[in-house]
Amino acid sequence: MAEQIVKTIKFPDTITVEVKKGNNLTLKGPKGTLTREFKTHRVTITQEGNKIVIVGSPKNKQADKLVETIVSHTKNMAEGLIYGYKYQLKVVYSHFPMSIQVEKDQVSIKNFLGEKFPRKVRIRGATKVEVKGQDISVSGNSKEDVGQTASNMEQKTKVKGKDIRRYQDGIYIVERENTDEVRKPVVEVIRGRE
C-alpha cells in the first residue's frame, strides 16, 4: 500500500459535523449551516465522531496541497459558523452623487459617473448587505460569499477610460473583520490519526 498523507480536524462541541458520500462536508453551528463538496479522487474524508480525517493518497506534493486546501476551507467554514465574517465598504464620489439600494438578491448602484442605467451586483449565498449613508457592511457566515460580494461591488465601480487620479469615484473595501472582537482558533488540526 502506498504512503498516505493524513490530517485529523477536531471541532468544538458547538459545531456538528456530517460527511456524506462523495466528500460532501456539512457543518452546523450557531450562525447557520455550511455545505461544501470537495471534488477530487486523490483525497477521502471520513467522520469519526466530532472529528474528520482527511486522507490524501499517494503521498506526493499534489496530494499534500489538496489536503492543506481542504483543511483551510474547513477552518474557514468553522470560523464563519462561530464568529462570522464582515467587510466594511465606503462609497466615495466627488463628481456625481451615487445612491446604493439593496433589492432582494441584488445591489443597485445608481448614478455612477452620471450614468442613466444602474449597475447591478448579485449578492452571493446568504450574505447580508446593509447600506447606511456612505457606509456599506457586508456580513455572513461564508468567507467566500462575503468576500466575493464585497469584491464584486468594488470591481463594478472601477473607473475605466478616465484619469484615476482625478476620478476617484467608486466603492472601496476599507476593513475586513470578524463579527466578534476576540478571535480564538476554532478547530485543532492534528497530523496523522488521533
Protein backbone atom coordinates (compact mmCIF):
# COMPACT_ATOMS: atom_id res chain seq x y z
CA MET A 1 0.00 0.00 0.00
CA ALA A 2 1.31 3.45 -0.93
CA GLU A 3 2.13 6.02 1.73
CA GLN A 4 -0.65 8.45 2.64
CA ILE A 5 -0.98 11.98 3.98
CA VAL A 6 -3.34 12.02 6.96
CA LYS A 7 -4.72 15.03 8.86
CA THR A 8 -7.36 15.00 11.61
CA ILE A 9 -9.51 18.03 12.40
CA LYS A 10 -11.20 18.26 15.82
CA PHE A 11 -14.24 20.53 16.07
CA PRO A 12 -15.67 22.18 19.21
CA ASP A 13 -18.93 20.95 20.74
CA THR A 14 -20.88 23.88 19.25
CA ILE A 15 -20.32 22.53 15.71
CA THR A 16 -21.87 19.31 14.42
CA VAL A 17 -20.22 17.53 11.52
CA GLU A 18 -21.70 15.34 8.80
CA VAL A 19 -19.74 13.74 5.96
CA LYS A 20 -21.69 12.21 3.10
CA LYS A 21 -20.55 10.04 0.23
CA GLY A 22 -18.52 11.88 -2.39
CA ASN A 23 -16.60 14.10 0.07
CA ASN A 24 -19.64 16.24 0.94
CA LEU A 25 -18.92 18.06 4.20
CA THR A 26 -21.75 19.74 6.17
CA LEU A 27 -21.07 21.82 9.28
CA LYS A 28 -23.84 23.17 11.54
CA GLY A 29 -23.10 25.85 14.10
CA PRO A 30 -24.60 28.78 16.00
CA LYS A 31 -24.66 31.00 12.88
CA GLY A 32 -26.21 28.52 10.46
CA THR A 33 -25.20 25.66 8.18
CA LEU A 34 -22.48 25.43 5.52
CA THR A 35 -22.06 22.63 2.98
CA ARG A 36 -19.17 22.05 0.62
CA GLU A 37 -18.27 19.28 -1.80
CA PHE A 38 -14.59 18.58 -2.42
CA LYS A 39 -14.38 17.05 -5.88
CA THR A 40 -11.15 15.08 -6.06
CA HIS A 41 -10.27 11.42 -6.35
CA ARG A 42 -6.93 11.85 -4.53
CA VAL A 43 -8.46 12.74 -1.14
CA THR A 44 -11.07 11.00 1.00
CA ILE A 45 -12.84 12.49 4.02
CA THR A 46 -14.24 10.30 6.79
CA GLN A 47 -16.05 11.18 10.00
CA GLU A 48 -15.12 9.88 13.46
CA GLY A 49 -17.49 11.40 15.99
CA ASN A 50 -16.99 15.19 16.01
CA LYS A 51 -13.74 14.87 14.06
CA ILE A 52 -12.96 14.39 10.40
CA VAL A 53 -9.97 12.53 8.95
CA ILE A 54 -8.61 13.72 5.61
CA VAL A 55 -6.50 11.14 3.76
CA GLY A 56 -4.50 12.03 0.64
CA SER A 57 -3.07 9.21 -1.46
CA PRO A 58 -0.44 8.66 -2.83
CA LYS A 59 1.95 10.76 -0.75
CA ASN A 60 3.23 13.47 -3.13
CA LYS A 61 3.20 17.27 -3.48
CA GLN A 62 -0.14 17.40 -5.28
CA ALA A 63 -1.94 15.32 -2.65
CA ASP A 64 -0.29 17.35 0.12
CA LYS A 65 -1.53 20.61 -1.42
CA LEU A 66 -5.05 19.20 -1.83
CA VAL A 67 -5.14 18.09 1.83
CA GLU A 68 -3.92 21.51 3.03
CA THR A 69 -6.51 23.27 0.84
CA ILE A 70 -9.32 21.16 2.30
CA VAL A 71 -8.02 21.86 5.83
CA SER A 72 -8.01 25.63 5.12
CA HIS A 73 -11.54 25.61 3.66
CA THR A 74 -12.79 23.59 6.63
CA LYS A 75 -11.19 26.03 9.10
CA ASN A 76 -12.84 28.97 7.29
CA MET A 77 -16.22 27.22 7.40
CA ALA A 78 -15.90 26.56 11.16
CA GLU A 79 -14.76 30.12 11.91
CA GLY A 80 -17.64 31.52 9.89
CA LEU A 81 -20.16 29.41 11.81
CA ILE A 82 -18.83 30.62 15.17
CA TYR A 83 -17.60 34.19 14.53
CA GLY A 84 -18.96 35.18 11.10
CA TYR A 85 -17.26 37.45 8.57
CA LYS A 86 -17.79 41.14 7.93
CA TYR A 87 -16.45 43.60 5.33
CA GLN A 88 -16.82 47.38 5.55
CA LEU A 89 -17.02 49.36 2.31
CA LYS A 90 -17.07 53.11 1.68
CA VAL A 91 -18.89 54.94 -1.13
CA VAL A 92 -16.69 57.73 -2.50
CA TYR A 93 -17.77 60.32 -5.07
CA SER A 94 -16.76 63.85 -6.00
CA HIS A 95 -18.49 64.42 -9.33
CA PHE A 96 -21.87 62.67 -9.30
CA PRO A 97 -23.66 61.60 -6.08
CA MET A 98 -24.20 57.83 -6.10
CA SER A 99 -27.06 56.05 -4.41
CA ILE A 100 -26.90 52.42 -3.32
CA GLN A 101 -30.01 50.28 -2.82
CA VAL A 102 -30.44 46.64 -1.83
CA GLU A 103 -33.17 44.90 -3.86
CA LYS A 104 -33.79 41.25 -2.89
CA ASP A 105 -30.62 39.45 -4.02
CA GLN A 106 -29.00 42.41 -5.83
CA VAL A 107 -27.28 45.67 -5.00
CA SER A 108 -28.20 48.53 -7.34
CA ILE A 109 -25.60 51.29 -7.84
CA LYS A 110 -27.32 54.35 -9.33
CA ASN A 111 -25.79 57.47 -10.93
CA PHE A 112 -22.20 56.17 -11.02
CA LEU A 113 -20.28 58.82 -13.03
CA GLY A 114 -23.65 60.20 -14.17
CA GLU A 115 -24.78 57.01 -15.91
CA LYS A 116 -28.50 56.73 -16.64
CA PHE A 117 -28.77 52.99 -16.04
CA PRO A 118 -27.91 51.43 -12.66
CA ARG A 119 -25.12 48.90 -12.26
CA LYS A 120 -26.24 45.70 -10.55
CA VAL A 121 -24.24 43.36 -8.32
CA ARG A 122 -25.59 39.96 -7.28
CA ILE A 123 -25.46 39.08 -3.58
CA ARG A 124 -23.94 35.61 -3.19
CA GLY A 125 -25.36 32.98 -0.84
CA ALA A 126 -26.86 34.06 2.49
CA THR A 127 -24.81 37.25 2.66
CA LYS A 128 -26.42 40.34 4.23
CA VAL A 129 -25.76 43.80 2.79
CA GLU A 130 -26.65 46.91 4.82
CA VAL A 131 -26.35 50.45 3.49
CA LYS A 132 -26.16 53.42 5.89
CA GLY A 133 -25.39 56.62 4.00
CA GLN A 134 -21.91 56.21 2.53
CA ASP A 135 -21.07 53.13 4.59
CA ILE A 136 -21.85 49.60 3.39
CA SER A 137 -21.44 46.49 5.55
CA VAL A 138 -21.37 43.02 4.02
CA SER A 139 -21.66 40.14 6.51
CA GLY A 140 -22.35 36.43 6.63
CA ASN A 141 -21.01 33.04 7.69
CA SER A 142 -19.31 32.05 4.41
CA LYS A 143 -15.94 33.73 3.86
CA GLU A 144 -16.08 33.14 0.11
CA ASP A 145 -19.60 34.56 -0.37
CA VAL A 146 -18.95 37.64 1.78
CA GLY A 147 -15.58 38.36 0.18
CA GLN A 148 -16.84 37.82 -3.38
CA THR A 149 -19.89 40.04 -2.88
CA ALA A 150 -17.72 42.87 -1.49
CA SER A 151 -15.14 42.43 -4.25
CA ASN A 152 -17.81 42.45 -6.96
CA MET A 153 -19.14 45.77 -5.65
CA GLU A 154 -15.64 47.23 -5.71
CA GLN A 155 -14.93 45.90 -9.23
CA LYS A 156 -18.30 47.07 -10.61
CA THR A 157 -17.41 50.69 -9.79
CA LYS A 158 -13.89 50.64 -11.19
CA VAL A 159 -13.25 53.76 -13.30
CA LYS A 160 -12.18 52.93 -16.85
CA GLY A 161 -11.11 55.27 -19.64
CA LYS A 162 -10.59 58.26 -17.35
CA ASP A 163 -7.72 59.64 -15.30
CA ILE A 164 -8.00 57.74 -11.99
CA ARG A 165 -6.08 60.50 -10.18
CA ARG A 166 -8.98 62.81 -10.91
CA TYR A 167 -11.93 60.40 -10.97
CA GLN A 168 -11.71 58.55 -7.68
CA ASP A 169 -15.41 57.78 -7.54
CA GLY A 170 -16.32 54.24 -6.55
CA ILE A 171 -16.94 51.78 -3.75
CA TYR A 172 -13.85 50.65 -1.84
CA ILE A 173 -13.22 47.94 0.76
CA VAL A 174 -11.83 49.68 3.82
CA GLU A 175 -11.91 46.96 6.50
CA ARG A 176 -12.14 43.18 6.88
CA GLU A 177 -13.06 41.82 10.28
CA ASN A 178 -14.76 39.04 12.16
CA THR A 179 -18.02 40.00 13.82
CA ASP A 180 -16.67 39.13 17.29
CA GLU A 181 -13.68 41.11 18.52
CA VAL A 182 -11.81 38.23 20.20
CA ARG A 183 -10.95 35.56 17.67
CA LYS A 184 -9.60 32.31 19.04
CA PRO A 185 -8.69 29.24 16.97
CA VAL A 186 -11.82 27.19 16.38
CA VAL A 187 -10.51 23.83 15.18
CA GLU A 188 -7.49 21.78 16.10
CA VAL A 189 -5.54 20.19 13.24
CA ILE A 190 -3.51 17.07 14.06
CA ARG A 191 -1.02 15.44 11.73
CA GLY A 192 -1.98 11.78 11.34
CA ARG A 193 -4.76 9.92 13.09
CA GLU A 194 -5.51 10.52 16.73
